[in-house]
Amino acid sequence: MEKKSFWNRAFHLYYDGFRQMTLGRTLWLVIGIKLFIMFAILKVFFFPDFIKHHSEPGGEAEFVATELQKRQLQP
């Protein structure tokens, strides 16, 4: 009898489990849609690229350094 590697056994465990799912596929689809909405759509509207809009091209590191120094000096 041939001994299979850990990765081969783990792959087949998950492969067989996902293949036999019925409700689980729908749940994974819902999870995937939620993650897409959170990271792709909401990021665009609620998390603009602040550094890009407030610094010169190529001077992003300097902008961050000066902002950190300003905030460190304030009590």
N, C-alpha and C. Protein backbone atom coordinates (compact mmCIF):
# COMPACT_ATOMS: atom_id res chain seq x y z
N MET A 1 0.84 -1.18 0.00
CA MET A 1 0.00 0.00 0.00
C MET A 1 0.89 1.24 0.00
N GLU A 2 0.57 2.16 -0.87
CA GLU A 2 1.36 3.39 -1.03
C GLU A 2 0.94 4.44 -0.01
N LYS A 3 1.90 5.02 0.67
CA LYS A 3 1.61 6.07 1.65
C LYS A 3 1.57 7.42 0.94
N LYS A 4 0.45 8.12 1.07
CA LYS A 4 0.30 9.41 0.42
C LYS A 4 0.83 10.52 1.32
N SER A 5 1.28 11.60 0.70
CA SER A 5 1.82 12.72 1.47
C SER A 5 0.70 13.48 2.18
N PHE A 6 1.12 14.29 3.14
CA PHE A 6 0.17 15.11 3.89
C PHE A 6 -0.63 16.02 2.96
N TRP A 7 0.07 16.67 2.03
CA TRP A 7 -0.61 17.63 1.15
C TRP A 7 -1.62 16.92 0.25
N ASN A 8 -1.28 15.73 -0.20
CA ASN A 8 -2.19 14.96 -1.05
C ASN A 8 -3.45 14.57 -0.26
N ARG A 9 -3.26 14.11 0.97
CA ARG A 9 -4.41 13.73 1.80
C ARG A 9 -5.26 14.95 2.15
N ALA A 10 -4.63 16.08 2.46
CA ALA A 10 -5.38 17.30 2.80
C ALA A 10 -6.17 17.78 1.59
N PHE A 11 -5.55 17.75 0.42
CA PHE A 11 -6.26 18.16 -0.79
C PHE A 11 -7.49 17.30 -1.03
N HIS A 12 -7.34 16.00 -0.93
CA HIS A 12 -8.47 15.10 -1.17
C HIS A 12 -9.55 15.24 -0.11
N LEU A 13 -9.17 15.54 1.12
CA LEU A 13 -10.15 15.78 2.18
C LEU A 13 -11.06 16.95 1.80
N TYR A 14 -10.44 18.07 1.44
CA TYR A 14 -11.24 19.25 1.09
C TYR A 14 -11.96 19.07 -0.24
N TYR A 15 -11.33 18.42 -1.20
CA TYR A 15 -11.95 18.19 -2.50
C TYR A 15 -13.22 17.35 -2.35
N ASP A 16 -13.14 16.27 -1.61
CA ASP A 16 -14.31 15.43 -1.39
C ASP A 16 -15.39 16.16 -0.60
N GLY A 17 -14.96 16.95 0.39
CA GLY A 17 -15.93 17.70 1.20
C GLY A 17 -16.68 18.73 0.39
N PHE A 18 -15.96 19.49 -0.44
CA PHE A 18 -16.64 20.51 -1.26
C PHE A 18 -17.48 19.88 -2.36
N ARG A 19 -17.07 18.74 -2.85
CA ARG A 19 -17.81 18.09 -3.92
C ARG A 19 -19.17 17.61 -3.44
N GLN A 20 -19.26 17.20 -2.17
CA GLN A 20 -20.50 16.66 -1.65
C GLN A 20 -21.41 17.72 -1.02
N MET A 21 -20.97 18.96 -1.00
CA MET A 21 -21.77 20.03 -0.40
C MET A 21 -22.95 20.40 -1.28
N THR A 22 -24.05 20.77 -0.66
CA THR A 22 -25.18 21.34 -1.41
C THR A 22 -25.45 22.75 -0.90
N LEU A 23 -25.75 22.88 0.38
CA LEU A 23 -25.99 24.19 0.97
C LEU A 23 -24.69 24.97 1.10
N GLY A 24 -23.60 24.28 1.32
CA GLY A 24 -22.31 24.93 1.51
C GLY A 24 -21.88 25.74 0.31
N ARG A 25 -22.19 25.29 -0.88
CA ARG A 25 -21.83 26.05 -2.09
C ARG A 25 -22.52 27.39 -2.11
N THR A 26 -23.78 27.41 -1.72
CA THR A 26 -24.52 28.67 -1.67
C THR A 26 -23.92 29.59 -0.61
N LEU A 27 -23.56 29.04 0.54
CA LEU A 27 -22.96 29.86 1.59
C LEU A 27 -21.62 30.42 1.16
N TRP A 28 -20.78 29.61 0.48
CA TRP A 28 -19.51 30.12 -0.02
C TRP A 28 -19.72 31.21 -1.06
N LEU A 29 -20.75 31.09 -1.87
CA LEU A 29 -21.06 32.13 -2.85
C LEU A 29 -21.43 33.42 -2.15
N VAL A 30 -22.24 33.34 -1.10
CA VAL A 30 -22.62 34.53 -0.33
C VAL A 30 -21.39 35.15 0.31
N ILE A 31 -20.51 34.34 0.88
CA ILE A 31 -19.28 34.85 1.49
C ILE A 31 -18.42 35.54 0.44
N GLY A 32 -18.29 34.94 -0.72
CA GLY A 32 -17.49 35.54 -1.80
C GLY A 32 -18.05 36.88 -2.26
N ILE A 33 -19.38 36.96 -2.39
CA ILE A 33 -20.01 38.21 -2.81
C ILE A 33 -19.80 39.29 -1.74
N LYS A 34 -19.94 38.93 -0.47
CA LYS A 34 -19.73 39.90 0.61
C LYS A 34 -18.29 40.41 0.62
N LEU A 35 -17.33 39.52 0.45
CA LEU A 35 -15.94 39.94 0.43
C LEU A 35 -15.66 40.85 -0.76
N PHE A 36 -16.23 40.54 -1.90
CA PHE A 36 -16.05 41.38 -3.07
C PHE A 36 -16.61 42.78 -2.82
N ILE A 37 -17.80 42.85 -2.23
CA ILE A 37 -18.41 44.14 -1.93
C ILE A 37 -17.56 44.91 -0.94
N MET A 38 -17.08 44.24 0.10
CA MET A 38 -16.29 44.92 1.13
C MET A 38 -14.98 45.45 0.58
N PHE A 39 -14.26 44.65 -0.17
CA PHE A 39 -12.92 45.04 -0.57
C PHE A 39 -12.85 45.76 -1.91
N ALA A 40 -13.76 45.53 -2.80
CA ALA A 40 -13.68 46.16 -4.11
C ALA A 40 -14.54 47.42 -4.19
N ILE A 41 -15.77 47.34 -3.74
CA ILE A 41 -16.68 48.46 -3.93
C ILE A 41 -16.58 49.47 -2.80
N LEU A 42 -16.63 49.03 -1.54
CA LEU A 42 -16.60 49.97 -0.42
C LEU A 42 -15.26 50.68 -0.31
N LYS A 43 -14.18 50.02 -0.69
CA LYS A 43 -12.85 50.64 -0.63
C LYS A 43 -12.81 51.87 -1.52
N VAL A 44 -13.41 51.80 -2.67
CA VAL A 44 -13.38 52.92 -3.60
C VAL A 44 -14.10 54.14 -3.03
N PHE A 45 -15.22 53.93 -2.35
CA PHE A 45 -16.02 55.05 -1.88
C PHE A 45 -15.63 55.56 -0.50
N PHE A 46 -15.20 54.68 0.40
CA PHE A 46 -14.96 55.09 1.78
C PHE A 46 -13.49 55.22 2.16
N PHE A 47 -12.59 54.73 1.33
CA PHE A 47 -11.17 54.79 1.65
C PHE A 47 -10.39 55.35 0.47
N PRO A 48 -10.51 56.67 0.24
CA PRO A 48 -9.76 57.26 -0.88
C PRO A 48 -8.26 57.27 -0.58
N ASP A 49 -7.48 57.42 -1.62
CA ASP A 49 -6.02 57.45 -1.48
C ASP A 49 -5.60 58.85 -1.05
N PHE A 50 -5.58 59.06 0.27
CA PHE A 50 -5.31 60.38 0.85
C PHE A 50 -3.91 60.86 0.52
N ILE A 51 -2.93 59.99 0.61
CA ILE A 51 -1.54 60.38 0.38
C ILE A 51 -1.33 60.79 -1.07
N LYS A 52 -1.93 60.07 -1.98
CA LYS A 52 -1.77 60.38 -3.40
C LYS A 52 -2.33 61.76 -3.72
N HIS A 53 -3.42 62.14 -3.08
CA HIS A 53 -4.06 63.42 -3.38
C HIS A 53 -3.40 64.60 -2.67
N HIS A 54 -2.65 64.35 -1.59
CA HIS A 54 -2.08 65.44 -0.82
C HIS A 54 -0.56 65.55 -0.92
N SER A 55 0.06 64.74 -1.75
CA SER A 55 1.51 64.82 -1.90
C SER A 55 1.87 64.91 -3.38
N GLU A 56 3.11 65.31 -3.61
CA GLU A 56 3.60 65.38 -4.98
C GLU A 56 3.97 63.97 -5.45
N PRO A 57 3.90 63.72 -6.74
CA PRO A 57 4.31 62.40 -7.25
C PRO A 57 5.79 62.14 -6.93
N GLY A 58 6.05 61.02 -6.33
CA GLY A 58 7.40 60.66 -5.94
C GLY A 58 7.79 61.15 -4.56
N GLY A 59 6.96 61.98 -3.93
CA GLY A 59 7.28 62.52 -2.62
C GLY A 59 6.39 62.00 -1.53
N GLU A 60 5.85 60.81 -1.72
CA GLU A 60 4.93 60.25 -0.75
C GLU A 60 5.61 59.96 0.59
N ALA A 61 6.83 59.43 0.54
CA ALA A 61 7.54 59.09 1.77
C ALA A 61 7.85 60.35 2.58
N GLU A 62 8.22 61.40 1.90
CA GLU A 62 8.51 62.66 2.59
C GLU A 62 7.24 63.23 3.22
N PHE A 63 6.13 63.14 2.52
CA PHE A 63 4.85 63.63 3.04
C PHE A 63 4.48 62.88 4.32
N VAL A 64 4.61 61.57 4.30
CA VAL A 64 4.28 60.77 5.47
C VAL A 64 5.20 61.11 6.63
N ALA A 65 6.49 61.27 6.34
CA ALA A 65 7.45 61.60 7.40
C ALA A 65 7.13 62.95 8.04
N THR A 66 6.82 63.96 7.24
CA THR A 66 6.51 65.28 7.81
C THR A 66 5.20 65.24 8.59
N GLU A 67 4.23 64.50 8.13
CA GLU A 67 2.96 64.40 8.86
C GLU A 67 3.16 63.70 10.20
N LEU A 68 3.99 62.66 10.22
CA LEU A 68 4.27 61.97 11.48
C LEU A 68 5.00 62.89 12.45
N GLN A 69 5.92 63.68 11.96
CA GLN A 69 6.65 64.60 12.82
C GLN A 69 5.73 65.67 13.37
N LYS A 70 4.81 66.18 12.56
CA LYS A 70 3.84 67.19 13.01
C LYS A 70 2.97 66.62 14.13
N ARG A 71 2.51 65.42 13.95
CA ARG A 71 1.60 64.81 14.91
C ARG A 71 2.31 64.39 16.18
N GLN A 72 3.59 64.10 16.09
CA GLN A 72 4.35 63.73 17.27
C GLN A 72 4.63 64.94 18.13
N LEU A 73 4.79 66.12 17.53
CA LEU A 73 5.09 67.33 18.28
C LEU A 73 3.87 67.89 18.98
N GLN A 74 2.68 67.58 18.48
CA GLN A 74 1.45 68.10 19.10
C GLN A 74 1.16 67.34 20.38
N PRO A 75 0.77 68.06 21.46
CA PRO A 75 0.45 67.37 22.73
C PRO A 75 -0.86 66.62 22.70
